[in-house]
N, C-alpha and C. Protein backbone atom coordinates (compact mmCIF):
# COMPACT_ATOMS: atom_id res chain seq x y z
N UNK A 1 3.73 3.71 -5.42
CA UNK A 1 3.34 4.66 -6.33
C UNK A 1 1.86 5.30 -5.79
N UNK A 2 1.83 6.52 -5.82
CA UNK A 2 0.66 7.43 -5.35
C UNK A 2 -0.11 7.92 -6.51
N UNK A 3 -1.56 7.50 -6.32
CA UNK A 3 -2.59 8.17 -7.26
C UNK A 3 -3.11 9.17 -6.28
N UNK A 4 -2.74 10.39 -6.49
CA UNK A 4 -3.32 11.48 -5.46
C UNK A 4 -4.03 12.70 -6.17
N UNK A 5 -3.25 13.48 -6.94
CA UNK A 5 -3.69 14.48 -7.50
C UNK A 5 -4.84 14.17 -8.47
N UNK A 6 -5.91 15.04 -8.49
CA UNK A 6 -7.16 14.72 -9.34
C UNK A 6 -6.80 14.92 -10.96
N UNK A 7 -5.81 15.54 -11.28
CA UNK A 7 -5.28 15.66 -12.50
C UNK A 7 -4.11 14.79 -12.92
N UNK A 8 -3.69 13.85 -12.06
CA UNK A 8 -2.60 13.15 -12.39
C UNK A 8 -2.63 12.04 -13.36
N UNK A 9 -3.90 11.51 -13.33
CA UNK A 9 -4.00 10.26 -14.21
C UNK A 9 -5.55 10.14 -14.61
N UNK A 10 -5.77 9.83 -15.92
CA UNK A 10 -7.21 9.54 -16.20
C UNK A 10 -7.60 8.11 -15.60
N UNK A 11 -8.84 8.31 -14.95
CA UNK A 11 -9.23 7.12 -14.24
C UNK A 11 -9.40 5.92 -15.13
N UNK A 12 -9.95 6.04 -16.35
CA UNK A 12 -10.16 4.96 -17.10
C UNK A 12 -8.95 4.13 -17.56
N UNK A 13 -7.79 4.79 -17.57
CA UNK A 13 -6.81 4.13 -18.11
C UNK A 13 -5.71 3.66 -16.73
N UNK A 14 -6.11 3.79 -15.63
CA UNK A 14 -5.23 3.70 -14.33
C UNK A 14 -5.03 2.08 -14.40
N UNK A 15 -5.85 1.13 -14.58
CA UNK A 15 -5.47 -0.20 -14.50
C UNK A 15 -4.40 -0.58 -15.26
N UNK A 16 -4.58 0.02 -16.69
CA UNK A 16 -3.65 -0.37 -17.71
C UNK A 16 -2.21 0.10 -17.37
N UNK A 17 -2.27 1.45 -16.81
CA UNK A 17 -0.85 1.77 -16.47
C UNK A 17 -0.26 1.12 -15.17
N UNK A 18 -1.06 0.73 -14.31
CA UNK A 18 -0.79 -0.08 -13.12
C UNK A 18 -0.08 -1.48 -13.45
N UNK A 19 -0.66 -2.02 -14.49
CA UNK A 19 -0.36 -3.38 -15.10
C UNK A 19 1.02 -3.28 -15.48
N UNK A 20 1.23 -2.07 -16.40
CA UNK A 20 2.60 -1.86 -17.15
C UNK A 20 3.74 -1.62 -16.08
N UNK A 21 3.21 -0.99 -15.01
CA UNK A 21 4.36 -0.64 -13.92
C UNK A 21 4.30 -1.59 -12.80
N UNK A 22 3.76 -2.77 -12.85
CA UNK A 22 3.63 -3.61 -11.65
C UNK A 22 5.03 -4.13 -11.30
N UNK A 23 6.15 -4.27 -12.17
CA UNK A 23 7.35 -4.73 -11.74
C UNK A 23 8.14 -3.82 -10.77
N UNK A 24 7.79 -2.49 -11.02
CA UNK A 24 8.33 -1.45 -10.44
C UNK A 24 8.15 -0.56 -9.19
N UNK A 25 7.11 -1.21 -8.64
CA UNK A 25 6.53 -0.61 -7.43
C UNK A 25 5.99 -1.55 -6.51
N UNK A 26 6.20 -1.36 -5.14
CA UNK A 26 5.50 -2.49 -4.22
C UNK A 26 4.21 -2.29 -3.58
N UNK A 27 3.76 -1.16 -3.91
CA UNK A 27 2.34 -0.88 -3.35
C UNK A 27 1.62 0.48 -4.03
N UNK A 28 0.47 0.58 -3.91
CA UNK A 28 -0.13 1.65 -4.68
C UNK A 28 -1.08 2.47 -3.52
N UNK A 29 -0.84 3.72 -3.41
CA UNK A 29 -1.63 4.62 -2.49
C UNK A 29 -2.76 5.32 -3.21
N UNK A 30 -3.89 5.14 -2.80
CA UNK A 30 -5.01 5.52 -3.59
C UNK A 30 -6.18 5.94 -2.83
N UNK A 31 -7.13 6.62 -3.04
CA UNK A 31 -8.26 7.10 -2.20
C UNK A 31 -9.25 5.83 -2.15
N UNK A 32 -10.01 5.92 -1.04
CA UNK A 32 -11.18 4.82 -1.11
C UNK A 32 -11.92 4.59 -2.20
N UNK A 33 -12.45 5.69 -2.60
CA UNK A 33 -13.42 5.55 -3.88
C UNK A 33 -12.82 5.10 -4.97
N UNK A 34 -11.44 5.51 -5.22
CA UNK A 34 -10.92 4.85 -6.59
C UNK A 34 -10.53 3.31 -6.28
N UNK A 35 -10.18 3.14 -5.03
CA UNK A 35 -9.95 1.80 -4.76
C UNK A 35 -11.04 0.79 -4.87
N UNK A 36 -12.18 1.29 -4.62
CA UNK A 36 -13.55 0.47 -4.59
C UNK A 36 -13.50 -0.08 -6.08
N UNK A 37 -13.38 0.79 -7.19
CA UNK A 37 -13.78 0.52 -8.59
C UNK A 37 -12.47 0.14 -9.24
N UNK A 38 -11.48 0.36 -8.97
CA UNK A 38 -10.21 0.36 -9.88
C UNK A 38 -9.20 -0.71 -9.21
N UNK A 39 -8.90 -0.78 -7.94
CA UNK A 39 -7.94 -1.39 -7.31
C UNK A 39 -7.88 -2.86 -7.87
N UNK A 40 -9.08 -3.64 -7.69
CA UNK A 40 -9.02 -4.93 -8.07
C UNK A 40 -8.39 -5.40 -9.48
N UNK A 41 -8.29 -4.28 -10.30
CA UNK A 41 -7.72 -4.58 -11.49
C UNK A 41 -6.21 -4.27 -11.66
N UNK A 42 -5.78 -3.99 -10.48
CA UNK A 42 -4.14 -3.28 -10.51
C UNK A 42 -3.28 -4.47 -9.90
N UNK A 43 -3.72 -5.37 -9.06
CA UNK A 43 -2.87 -6.49 -8.57
C UNK A 43 -1.71 -5.99 -7.71
N UNK A 44 -1.86 -4.70 -7.35
CA UNK A 44 -0.83 -4.20 -6.34
C UNK A 44 -1.18 -4.19 -4.87
N UNK A 45 -0.30 -4.36 -3.82
CA UNK A 45 -0.76 -4.27 -2.62
C UNK A 45 -1.35 -2.84 -2.32
N UNK A 46 -2.45 -2.65 -1.64
CA UNK A 46 -3.14 -1.46 -1.43
C UNK A 46 -2.94 -0.66 -0.12
N UNK A 47 -2.59 0.67 -0.23
CA UNK A 47 -2.66 1.66 0.77
C UNK A 47 -3.65 2.52 0.49
N UNK A 48 -4.57 2.67 1.80
CA UNK A 48 -5.82 3.67 1.29
C UNK A 48 -5.29 5.09 1.85
N UNK A 49 -5.64 5.99 1.25
CA UNK A 49 -5.20 7.46 1.43
C UNK A 49 -6.43 7.91 2.42
N UNK A 50 -6.31 8.10 3.71
CA UNK A 50 -7.28 8.50 4.48
C UNK A 50 -7.21 9.96 4.78
N UNK A 51 -6.31 10.68 4.49
CA UNK A 51 -6.36 12.07 4.71
C UNK A 51 -6.22 12.80 3.27
N UNK A 52 -6.65 13.74 2.94
CA UNK A 52 -6.47 14.56 1.88
C UNK A 52 -7.24 15.67 1.55
N UNK A 53 -7.24 16.30 0.30
CA UNK A 53 -8.11 17.35 -0.27
C UNK A 53 -7.73 17.78 -1.48
N UNK A 54 -8.58 18.10 -2.47
CA UNK A 54 -8.31 18.64 -3.47
C UNK A 54 -7.84 20.11 -3.51
N UNK A 55 -7.01 20.41 -4.55
CA UNK A 55 -6.75 21.83 -4.82
C UNK A 55 -5.93 22.40 -3.78
N UNK A 56 -5.17 21.69 -3.06
CA UNK A 56 -4.12 22.12 -2.21
C UNK A 56 -4.87 22.89 -0.83
N UNK A 57 -6.10 22.48 -0.77
CA UNK A 57 -6.61 23.06 0.39
C UNK A 57 -6.29 22.31 1.78
N UNK A 58 -6.91 22.78 2.80
CA UNK A 58 -6.51 22.01 4.19
C UNK A 58 -6.83 20.65 4.16
N UNK A 59 -5.94 19.73 4.44
CA UNK A 59 -5.98 18.21 4.67
C UNK A 59 -7.14 17.77 5.74
N UNK A 60 -7.94 16.81 5.32
CA UNK A 60 -8.99 16.44 6.32
C UNK A 60 -9.06 14.86 6.14
N UNK A 61 -9.63 14.41 7.13
CA UNK A 61 -9.88 12.84 6.98
C UNK A 61 -10.99 12.51 5.91
N UNK A 62 -10.72 11.66 5.09
CA UNK A 62 -11.66 11.31 3.94
C UNK A 62 -12.16 9.97 3.69
N UNK A 63 -11.53 9.08 4.73
CA UNK A 63 -11.76 7.77 5.10
C UNK A 63 -11.70 7.10 6.17
N UNK A 64 -12.57 6.25 6.83
CA UNK A 64 -12.49 5.72 8.14
C UNK A 64 -11.84 4.23 7.86
N UNK A 65 -11.57 3.66 9.11
CA UNK A 65 -10.91 2.52 9.12
C UNK A 65 -11.81 1.26 8.80
N UNK A 66 -13.21 1.37 9.08
CA UNK A 66 -14.05 0.28 8.59
C UNK A 66 -14.03 0.05 7.05
N UNK A 67 -13.78 1.20 6.17
CA UNK A 67 -13.76 1.00 4.83
C UNK A 67 -12.54 0.48 4.41
N UNK A 68 -11.38 1.03 5.16
CA UNK A 68 -10.15 0.30 4.86
C UNK A 68 -10.10 -1.12 5.12
N UNK A 69 -10.76 -1.74 6.22
CA UNK A 69 -10.76 -3.16 6.67
C UNK A 69 -11.42 -3.82 5.40
N UNK A 70 -12.70 -3.22 4.88
CA UNK A 70 -13.64 -3.92 4.16
C UNK A 70 -12.79 -4.10 2.83
N UNK A 71 -11.84 -3.35 2.48
CA UNK A 71 -11.09 -3.64 1.19
C UNK A 71 -9.76 -4.49 1.40
N UNK A 72 -9.48 -4.87 2.66
CA UNK A 72 -8.50 -5.63 3.10
C UNK A 72 -7.17 -4.95 2.71
N UNK A 73 -7.16 -3.68 2.78
CA UNK A 73 -5.80 -2.79 2.51
C UNK A 73 -4.66 -3.26 3.36
N UNK A 74 -3.59 -3.17 2.88
CA UNK A 74 -2.37 -3.50 3.78
C UNK A 74 -1.88 -2.34 4.56
N UNK A 75 -2.34 -0.99 4.35
CA UNK A 75 -2.20 -0.20 5.29
C UNK A 75 -2.98 1.06 4.87
N UNK A 76 -2.70 2.22 5.68
CA UNK A 76 -3.29 3.71 5.50
C UNK A 76 -2.26 4.73 5.12
N UNK A 77 -2.70 5.65 4.79
CA UNK A 77 -1.80 6.79 4.73
C UNK A 77 -2.51 8.29 5.22
N UNK A 78 -1.58 9.04 5.92
CA UNK A 78 -2.29 10.40 6.46
C UNK A 78 -1.26 11.39 5.89
N UNK A 79 -1.85 12.54 5.73
CA UNK A 79 -0.91 13.73 5.47
C UNK A 79 -0.55 14.92 6.55
N UNK A 80 0.54 15.08 6.64
CA UNK A 80 0.97 16.04 7.77
C UNK A 80 1.76 17.22 7.21
N UNK A 81 1.21 18.43 7.24
CA UNK A 81 1.84 19.76 6.63
C UNK A 81 2.33 20.64 7.62
N UNK A 82 3.69 20.37 7.69
CA UNK A 82 4.44 21.15 8.72
C UNK A 82 4.56 22.62 8.29
N UNK A 83 4.16 23.08 7.17
CA UNK A 83 4.19 24.47 6.68
C UNK A 83 2.93 25.30 7.27
N UNK A 84 2.01 24.53 7.96
CA UNK A 84 1.02 25.18 8.84
C UNK A 84 1.47 25.68 10.01
N UNK A 85 0.88 26.65 10.64
CA UNK A 85 1.31 27.43 11.96
C UNK A 85 0.08 27.31 12.80
N UNK A 86 0.54 27.47 14.22
CA UNK A 86 -0.46 27.76 15.12
C UNK A 86 -1.46 26.79 15.48
N UNK A 87 -2.77 27.14 15.55
CA UNK A 87 -3.85 26.19 15.68
C UNK A 87 -4.04 25.32 14.65
N UNK A 88 -3.91 25.63 13.46
CA UNK A 88 -4.05 24.67 12.32
C UNK A 88 -3.10 23.54 12.34
N UNK A 89 -1.79 23.73 12.63
CA UNK A 89 -0.98 22.73 12.87
C UNK A 89 -1.09 21.84 13.88
N UNK A 90 -1.57 22.44 15.00
CA UNK A 90 -1.82 21.81 16.37
C UNK A 90 -3.08 20.84 16.19
N UNK A 91 -4.13 21.26 15.56
CA UNK A 91 -5.28 20.56 15.32
C UNK A 91 -5.04 19.34 14.27
N UNK A 92 -4.26 19.52 13.33
CA UNK A 92 -3.91 18.66 12.46
C UNK A 92 -2.97 17.44 12.97
N UNK A 93 -2.07 17.84 14.18
CA UNK A 93 -1.19 16.81 14.61
C UNK A 93 -2.27 16.11 15.48
N UNK A 94 -3.05 16.72 16.20
CA UNK A 94 -4.07 16.11 17.02
C UNK A 94 -4.82 15.02 16.40
N UNK A 95 -5.44 15.35 15.09
CA UNK A 95 -6.22 14.60 14.51
C UNK A 95 -5.45 13.44 13.80
N UNK A 96 -4.28 13.59 13.25
CA UNK A 96 -3.41 12.59 12.76
C UNK A 96 -3.19 11.64 14.01
N UNK A 97 -2.81 12.07 15.19
CA UNK A 97 -2.32 11.12 16.19
C UNK A 97 -3.35 10.35 16.60
N UNK A 98 -4.63 10.80 16.72
CA UNK A 98 -5.89 10.04 17.17
C UNK A 98 -6.04 9.00 16.07
N UNK A 99 -5.89 9.36 14.81
CA UNK A 99 -6.20 8.21 13.87
C UNK A 99 -5.16 7.29 13.80
N UNK A 100 -3.98 7.72 13.99
CA UNK A 100 -2.96 6.52 14.08
C UNK A 100 -3.10 5.49 15.24
N UNK A 101 -3.48 5.93 16.39
CA UNK A 101 -3.76 5.22 17.54
C UNK A 101 -4.94 4.22 17.08
N UNK A 102 -6.05 4.62 16.56
CA UNK A 102 -7.07 3.99 16.05
C UNK A 102 -6.52 2.82 15.10
N UNK A 103 -5.79 3.23 14.09
CA UNK A 103 -4.92 2.21 13.13
C UNK A 103 -4.29 1.21 13.61
N UNK A 104 -3.39 1.57 14.78
CA UNK A 104 -2.47 0.88 15.34
C UNK A 104 -3.17 -0.29 16.22
N UNK A 105 -4.41 0.21 16.87
CA UNK A 105 -5.30 -0.96 17.45
C UNK A 105 -5.79 -2.03 16.65
N UNK A 106 -6.04 -1.59 15.20
CA UNK A 106 -6.39 -2.63 14.39
C UNK A 106 -5.18 -3.40 13.58
N UNK A 107 -4.06 -3.06 14.07
CA UNK A 107 -2.82 -3.71 13.45
C UNK A 107 -2.62 -3.29 12.04
N UNK A 108 -3.16 -2.01 11.77
CA UNK A 108 -2.84 -1.38 10.36
C UNK A 108 -1.57 -0.44 10.43
N UNK A 109 -0.68 -0.66 9.58
CA UNK A 109 0.49 0.35 9.72
C UNK A 109 0.13 1.70 8.73
N UNK A 110 0.70 2.61 9.15
CA UNK A 110 0.37 4.15 9.07
C UNK A 110 1.54 4.56 8.08
N UNK A 111 1.38 5.05 6.86
CA UNK A 111 2.21 5.78 5.90
C UNK A 111 1.95 7.37 6.23
N UNK A 112 2.96 8.13 6.57
CA UNK A 112 2.80 9.60 6.82
C UNK A 112 3.48 10.13 5.56
N UNK A 113 2.57 11.14 4.91
CA UNK A 113 2.97 11.92 3.63
C UNK A 113 3.16 13.10 4.14
N UNK A 114 4.28 13.51 4.19
CA UNK A 114 4.81 14.82 4.98
C UNK A 114 5.25 15.93 4.13
N UNK A 115 4.67 16.98 4.41
CA UNK A 115 5.37 18.43 3.91
C UNK A 115 6.24 19.09 4.86
N UNK A 116 7.40 19.12 4.75
CA UNK A 116 8.29 19.77 5.64
C UNK A 116 8.38 21.23 5.48
N UNK A 117 8.51 22.07 6.55
CA UNK A 117 8.41 23.49 6.29
C UNK A 117 9.27 24.20 5.31
N UNK A 118 10.44 23.36 4.77
CA UNK A 118 11.27 23.69 3.80
C UNK A 118 12.04 22.57 3.23
N UNK A 119 11.62 22.07 1.94
CA UNK A 119 12.05 20.97 1.48
C UNK A 119 13.49 20.78 1.12
N UNK A 120 14.16 22.27 1.00
CA UNK A 120 15.51 22.18 0.70
C UNK A 120 16.34 22.45 1.87
N UNK A 121 15.83 22.35 3.09
CA UNK A 121 16.55 22.44 4.28
C UNK A 121 16.47 21.15 5.04
N UNK A 122 17.72 20.55 5.06
CA UNK A 122 17.92 19.37 5.68
C UNK A 122 17.50 19.35 7.33
N UNK A 123 17.72 20.33 7.97
CA UNK A 123 17.41 20.38 9.52
C UNK A 123 15.70 20.44 9.50
N UNK A 124 15.13 21.05 8.50
CA UNK A 124 13.67 21.28 8.66
C UNK A 124 13.09 19.72 8.27
N UNK A 125 13.73 19.17 7.39
CA UNK A 125 13.49 17.58 6.97
C UNK A 125 13.50 16.86 8.17
N UNK A 126 14.72 16.90 8.82
CA UNK A 126 15.07 16.01 9.99
C UNK A 126 13.99 16.15 11.09
N UNK A 127 13.67 17.47 11.33
CA UNK A 127 12.52 17.79 12.24
C UNK A 127 11.32 17.20 11.96
N UNK A 128 10.81 17.20 10.70
CA UNK A 128 9.47 16.70 10.25
C UNK A 128 9.72 15.21 10.55
N UNK A 129 10.74 14.44 10.08
CA UNK A 129 10.83 13.05 10.42
C UNK A 129 10.56 12.72 11.62
N UNK A 130 11.38 13.29 12.65
CA UNK A 130 11.45 13.06 14.02
C UNK A 130 10.12 13.01 14.54
N UNK A 131 9.39 14.17 14.25
CA UNK A 131 8.08 14.48 14.78
C UNK A 131 7.16 13.36 14.37
N UNK A 132 7.20 13.06 13.11
CA UNK A 132 6.34 11.93 12.42
C UNK A 132 6.68 10.68 13.34
N UNK A 133 7.89 10.42 13.56
CA UNK A 133 8.10 9.28 14.16
C UNK A 133 7.51 9.06 15.60
N UNK A 134 7.63 10.25 16.32
CA UNK A 134 7.05 10.41 17.83
C UNK A 134 5.64 10.23 17.60
N UNK A 135 4.88 10.66 16.38
CA UNK A 135 3.36 10.49 16.50
C UNK A 135 3.03 8.93 16.45
N UNK A 136 3.88 8.21 15.80
CA UNK A 136 3.77 7.00 15.39
C UNK A 136 3.74 6.36 13.99
N UNK A 137 4.43 7.13 13.16
CA UNK A 137 4.49 6.68 11.86
C UNK A 137 5.14 5.37 11.59
N UNK A 138 4.67 4.63 10.80
CA UNK A 138 5.36 3.27 10.47
C UNK A 138 6.33 3.49 9.08
N UNK A 139 5.91 4.41 8.44
CA UNK A 139 6.72 4.59 7.06
C UNK A 139 6.37 6.03 6.73
N UNK A 140 7.40 6.81 6.17
CA UNK A 140 7.12 8.32 5.97
C UNK A 140 7.69 8.48 4.67
N UNK A 141 6.92 9.41 3.85
CA UNK A 141 7.22 9.91 2.63
C UNK A 141 7.49 11.38 2.56
N UNK A 142 8.48 12.00 2.21
CA UNK A 142 8.77 13.32 2.49
C UNK A 142 9.68 13.79 1.13
N UNK A 143 9.42 15.10 0.89
CA UNK A 143 10.06 15.71 -0.05
C UNK A 143 11.32 16.25 0.23
N UNK A 144 12.64 16.00 -0.39
CA UNK A 144 13.80 16.40 0.05
C UNK A 144 14.67 16.76 -1.13
N UNK A 145 14.74 18.07 -1.42
CA UNK A 145 15.66 18.57 -2.46
C UNK A 145 16.95 18.59 -2.18
N UNK A 146 17.47 17.49 -2.31
CA UNK A 146 19.04 17.40 -1.84
C UNK A 146 19.89 17.89 -2.58
N UNK A 147 19.63 18.26 -3.95
CA UNK A 147 20.57 18.87 -4.74
C UNK A 147 20.66 20.41 -4.65
N UNK A 148 19.65 20.73 -3.77
CA UNK A 148 19.78 22.47 -3.54
C UNK A 148 20.28 22.71 -2.36
N UNK A 149 20.67 21.80 -1.50
CA UNK A 149 20.85 22.17 -0.12
C UNK A 149 21.77 21.10 0.21
N UNK A 150 23.24 21.22 0.25
CA UNK A 150 24.04 20.22 0.83
C UNK A 150 25.07 21.07 1.87
N UNK A 151 24.95 20.24 3.18
CA UNK A 151 25.71 20.79 4.31
C UNK A 151 26.12 19.72 5.09
N UNK A 152 27.54 19.76 5.32
CA UNK A 152 28.01 18.44 5.88
C UNK A 152 27.37 18.17 7.35
N UNK A 153 27.29 19.17 8.21
CA UNK A 153 26.63 18.88 9.45
C UNK A 153 25.23 18.20 9.32
N UNK A 154 24.28 19.13 8.57
CA UNK A 154 23.03 18.74 8.39
C UNK A 154 22.87 17.23 7.80
N UNK A 155 23.76 17.03 6.85
CA UNK A 155 23.65 15.77 6.03
C UNK A 155 23.99 14.60 7.15
N UNK A 156 25.14 14.77 7.96
CA UNK A 156 25.35 13.92 9.24
C UNK A 156 24.28 13.48 9.93
N UNK A 157 23.65 14.58 10.55
CA UNK A 157 22.55 14.59 11.40
C UNK A 157 21.34 13.86 10.78
N UNK A 158 21.09 14.12 9.53
CA UNK A 158 20.04 13.50 8.90
C UNK A 158 20.37 11.90 8.70
N UNK A 159 21.55 11.71 8.26
CA UNK A 159 21.86 10.38 7.97
C UNK A 159 21.79 9.40 9.35
N UNK A 160 22.17 9.96 10.47
CA UNK A 160 21.95 9.41 11.79
C UNK A 160 20.47 9.09 12.02
N UNK A 161 19.77 10.26 11.83
CA UNK A 161 18.34 9.92 12.23
C UNK A 161 17.59 8.82 11.24
N UNK A 162 17.78 8.78 9.94
CA UNK A 162 17.39 7.91 9.00
C UNK A 162 17.74 6.42 9.37
N UNK A 163 18.78 6.20 10.22
CA UNK A 163 19.30 4.92 10.62
C UNK A 163 18.50 4.39 11.68
N UNK A 164 17.70 5.30 12.49
CA UNK A 164 17.14 4.76 13.68
C UNK A 164 15.57 5.27 13.52
N UNK A 165 14.97 5.77 12.48
CA UNK A 165 13.74 5.95 12.12
C UNK A 165 13.02 5.00 11.48
N UNK A 166 11.63 5.00 11.38
CA UNK A 166 10.93 4.04 10.27
C UNK A 166 11.44 4.42 9.13
N UNK A 167 11.12 3.36 8.09
CA UNK A 167 11.78 3.52 6.71
C UNK A 167 11.07 5.13 6.14
N UNK A 168 12.25 5.86 5.41
CA UNK A 168 11.60 7.23 4.95
C UNK A 168 11.91 7.04 3.43
N UNK A 169 10.82 7.40 2.70
CA UNK A 169 10.79 7.30 1.31
C UNK A 169 10.92 8.84 0.82
N UNK A 170 11.48 8.92 -0.31
CA UNK A 170 11.48 10.13 -1.09
C UNK A 170 10.29 10.49 -1.91
N UNK A 171 9.56 11.72 -1.66
CA UNK A 171 8.24 11.79 -2.61
C UNK A 171 8.79 12.52 -4.11
N UNK A 172 7.75 12.49 -4.80
CA UNK A 172 8.05 12.98 -6.14
C UNK A 172 7.60 14.35 -6.52
N UNK A 173 6.36 14.70 -6.47
CA UNK A 173 5.78 15.94 -6.77
C UNK A 173 5.71 16.07 -8.26
N UNK A 174 5.97 17.36 -8.75
CA UNK A 174 5.80 17.73 -10.25
C UNK A 174 6.91 16.97 -11.07
N UNK A 175 6.56 16.55 -12.35
CA UNK A 175 7.85 15.91 -13.16
C UNK A 175 8.93 17.10 -13.36
N UNK A 176 10.01 16.45 -13.26
CA UNK A 176 11.22 17.23 -13.54
C UNK A 176 12.46 16.38 -13.65
N UNK A 177 13.28 16.98 -14.38
CA UNK A 177 14.46 16.30 -14.63
C UNK A 177 15.47 15.80 -13.58
N UNK A 178 15.44 16.81 -12.40
CA UNK A 178 16.30 16.76 -11.27
C UNK A 178 16.03 15.41 -10.40
N UNK A 179 14.83 14.84 -10.56
CA UNK A 179 14.48 13.59 -9.80
C UNK A 179 15.47 12.40 -9.76
N UNK A 180 16.00 12.33 -10.70
CA UNK A 180 17.09 11.21 -10.92
C UNK A 180 18.16 11.59 -10.06
N UNK A 181 18.65 12.76 -9.93
CA UNK A 181 19.83 13.19 -9.11
C UNK A 181 19.47 13.10 -7.70
N UNK A 182 18.25 13.68 -7.50
CA UNK A 182 17.63 13.54 -6.06
C UNK A 182 17.64 12.10 -5.34
N UNK A 183 17.15 11.03 -6.47
CA UNK A 183 17.22 9.78 -5.84
C UNK A 183 18.48 9.26 -5.46
N UNK A 184 19.52 9.70 -6.49
CA UNK A 184 20.89 9.20 -6.04
C UNK A 184 21.33 10.02 -4.62
N UNK A 185 21.00 11.28 -4.69
CA UNK A 185 21.38 11.89 -3.28
C UNK A 185 20.77 11.27 -2.20
N UNK A 186 19.52 10.85 -2.32
CA UNK A 186 18.78 10.38 -1.11
C UNK A 186 19.09 9.01 -0.81
N UNK A 187 19.47 8.15 -1.73
CA UNK A 187 20.01 6.72 -1.34
C UNK A 187 21.33 7.07 -0.72
N UNK A 188 22.08 8.04 -1.13
CA UNK A 188 23.44 8.24 -0.30
C UNK A 188 23.26 8.76 1.16
N UNK A 189 22.13 9.54 1.17
CA UNK A 189 21.95 9.79 2.65
C UNK A 189 21.31 8.83 3.59
N UNK A 190 20.74 7.79 2.90
CA UNK A 190 20.13 6.83 3.89
C UNK A 190 18.69 6.53 3.69
N UNK A 191 18.01 7.16 2.79
CA UNK A 191 16.55 7.13 2.50
C UNK A 191 16.28 5.52 2.13
N UNK A 192 15.10 4.94 2.31
CA UNK A 192 14.74 3.63 2.03
C UNK A 192 14.19 3.44 0.64
N UNK A 193 13.75 4.31 0.00
CA UNK A 193 13.19 4.07 -1.27
C UNK A 193 12.48 5.49 -1.70
N UNK A 194 11.39 5.32 -2.64
CA UNK A 194 10.67 6.43 -3.05
C UNK A 194 9.34 6.11 -3.33
N UNK A 195 8.58 7.09 -3.34
CA UNK A 195 7.20 6.87 -3.42
C UNK A 195 6.55 8.15 -4.32
N UNK A 196 6.38 7.71 -5.61
CA UNK A 196 6.19 8.71 -6.74
C UNK A 196 5.04 8.44 -7.67
N UNK A 197 4.08 9.50 -7.95
CA UNK A 197 3.08 9.23 -8.70
C UNK A 197 3.05 10.14 -9.81
N UNK A 198 2.78 11.61 -9.78
CA UNK A 198 2.76 12.40 -10.93
C UNK A 198 4.05 12.35 -11.82
N UNK A 199 5.05 12.08 -11.25
CA UNK A 199 6.29 12.02 -12.37
C UNK A 199 6.03 10.93 -13.23
N UNK A 200 5.44 9.71 -12.72
CA UNK A 200 5.15 8.45 -13.50
C UNK A 200 3.94 8.91 -14.52
N UNK A 201 2.84 9.29 -13.92
CA UNK A 201 1.58 9.27 -14.76
C UNK A 201 1.60 10.57 -15.76
N UNK A 202 2.29 11.66 -15.30
CA UNK A 202 2.21 12.72 -16.41
C UNK A 202 3.60 12.75 -17.29
N UNK A 203 4.33 11.64 -17.29
CA UNK A 203 5.44 11.48 -18.11
C UNK A 203 5.10 11.47 -19.72
N UNK A 204 3.88 10.97 -19.85
CA UNK A 204 3.74 10.29 -21.37
C UNK A 204 4.04 8.88 -21.70
N UNK A 205 4.91 8.41 -20.90
CA UNK A 205 5.41 6.90 -21.17
C UNK A 205 5.58 6.48 -19.65
N UNK A 206 4.49 6.02 -18.99
CA UNK A 206 4.62 5.79 -17.40
C UNK A 206 5.52 4.43 -17.21
N UNK A 207 5.38 3.50 -18.18
CA UNK A 207 6.13 2.22 -17.74
C UNK A 207 7.68 2.54 -17.89
N UNK A 208 7.94 3.23 -19.02
CA UNK A 208 9.34 3.75 -19.30
C UNK A 208 9.85 4.59 -18.22
N UNK A 209 9.06 5.34 -17.77
CA UNK A 209 9.59 6.41 -16.55
C UNK A 209 9.75 5.59 -15.33
N UNK A 210 8.76 4.68 -15.10
CA UNK A 210 9.06 3.87 -13.83
C UNK A 210 10.13 3.20 -13.85
N UNK A 211 10.55 2.44 -15.20
CA UNK A 211 11.78 1.82 -15.32
C UNK A 211 12.98 2.60 -15.12
N UNK A 212 12.98 3.80 -15.38
CA UNK A 212 13.97 4.79 -15.38
C UNK A 212 14.16 5.11 -13.76
N UNK A 213 13.11 5.30 -13.08
CA UNK A 213 13.35 5.66 -11.66
C UNK A 213 13.77 4.40 -10.99
N UNK A 214 13.41 3.10 -11.30
CA UNK A 214 13.86 1.93 -10.71
C UNK A 214 15.31 1.95 -10.97
N UNK A 215 15.89 2.04 -12.20
CA UNK A 215 17.12 1.79 -12.39
C UNK A 215 18.05 2.90 -11.91
N UNK A 216 17.44 4.18 -11.81
CA UNK A 216 18.23 5.35 -11.10
C UNK A 216 18.40 5.03 -9.53
N UNK A 217 17.44 4.38 -8.75
CA UNK A 217 17.53 4.02 -7.51
C UNK A 217 18.48 3.00 -7.25
N UNK A 218 18.43 1.88 -7.97
CA UNK A 218 19.20 0.73 -7.67
C UNK A 218 20.54 0.60 -8.57
N UNK A 219 20.74 1.72 -9.27
CA UNK A 219 22.11 1.73 -9.98
C UNK A 219 23.06 1.82 -8.93
N UNK A 220 24.33 1.08 -9.04
CA UNK A 220 25.52 0.97 -8.23
C UNK A 220 26.54 2.16 -8.35
N UNK A 221 26.07 3.13 -9.18
CA UNK A 221 27.03 4.21 -9.64
C UNK A 221 26.72 5.31 -8.64
C-alpha cells in the first residue's frame, strides 16, 4: 500500500488505518519523514519513497540511502514518468539509474513507480516495463487501464513480457468503481499483484475497501 499524495490520508489516523488493513497488504510505501514518526506504529514492512514531489510537479530525489538504512527499510521506491520528453526524460532516467546502482551496492531492492506514456495503451505499458527492467527495477508498479484497451496482439506481447520481467504490480490512482475489473484483467494478463493507496484511504471505509480489493484479486472467478 502506498502513502503518497499529501491529501490521501490524515497523518494522525494513519497508524489506526494501517493496523486495520494489516492483513491485506504486504508492505507500506511512504516518505522518510512520515516513516520516522509513524511507521513504527504500523507493523508493516517498510519501503521508503526516495523520489517524489507534491502537486504533480517534476519528480526529484527526496531521501538518501543513509536515511533508508537508518530506518532498516526493506526497500526503496523511485518514480519514473515516461510522459516526459526530451532532456527532462533523459535527466530523470539518468538520475534514477544512478540511484538504483547505489541502492543495489547496499543490497537494497528498488520499486519503480512508473507512469507510462499512455496507461490505456498496452504497447506503451510494455515499453515502460521493459525500460524499467533494463534500468534495474526489482519490482514495478504501473497504471494499466486494461478495460479501456483490449487488443489480442498487444495482450499477448504484454503477457510474454510479464513472464520474464521483475514482478509487476497494478497501481491504483484516484478512487473508482472500475478498479475491481482492472484487477481481474490484470491478473489474467499476468500481473503479480497491486499497489494501491488513495483508493483505500479516500474510500471512507479503508479496512472494508482493502478487504474488497484483496477478495477481487484472489477470487477464482
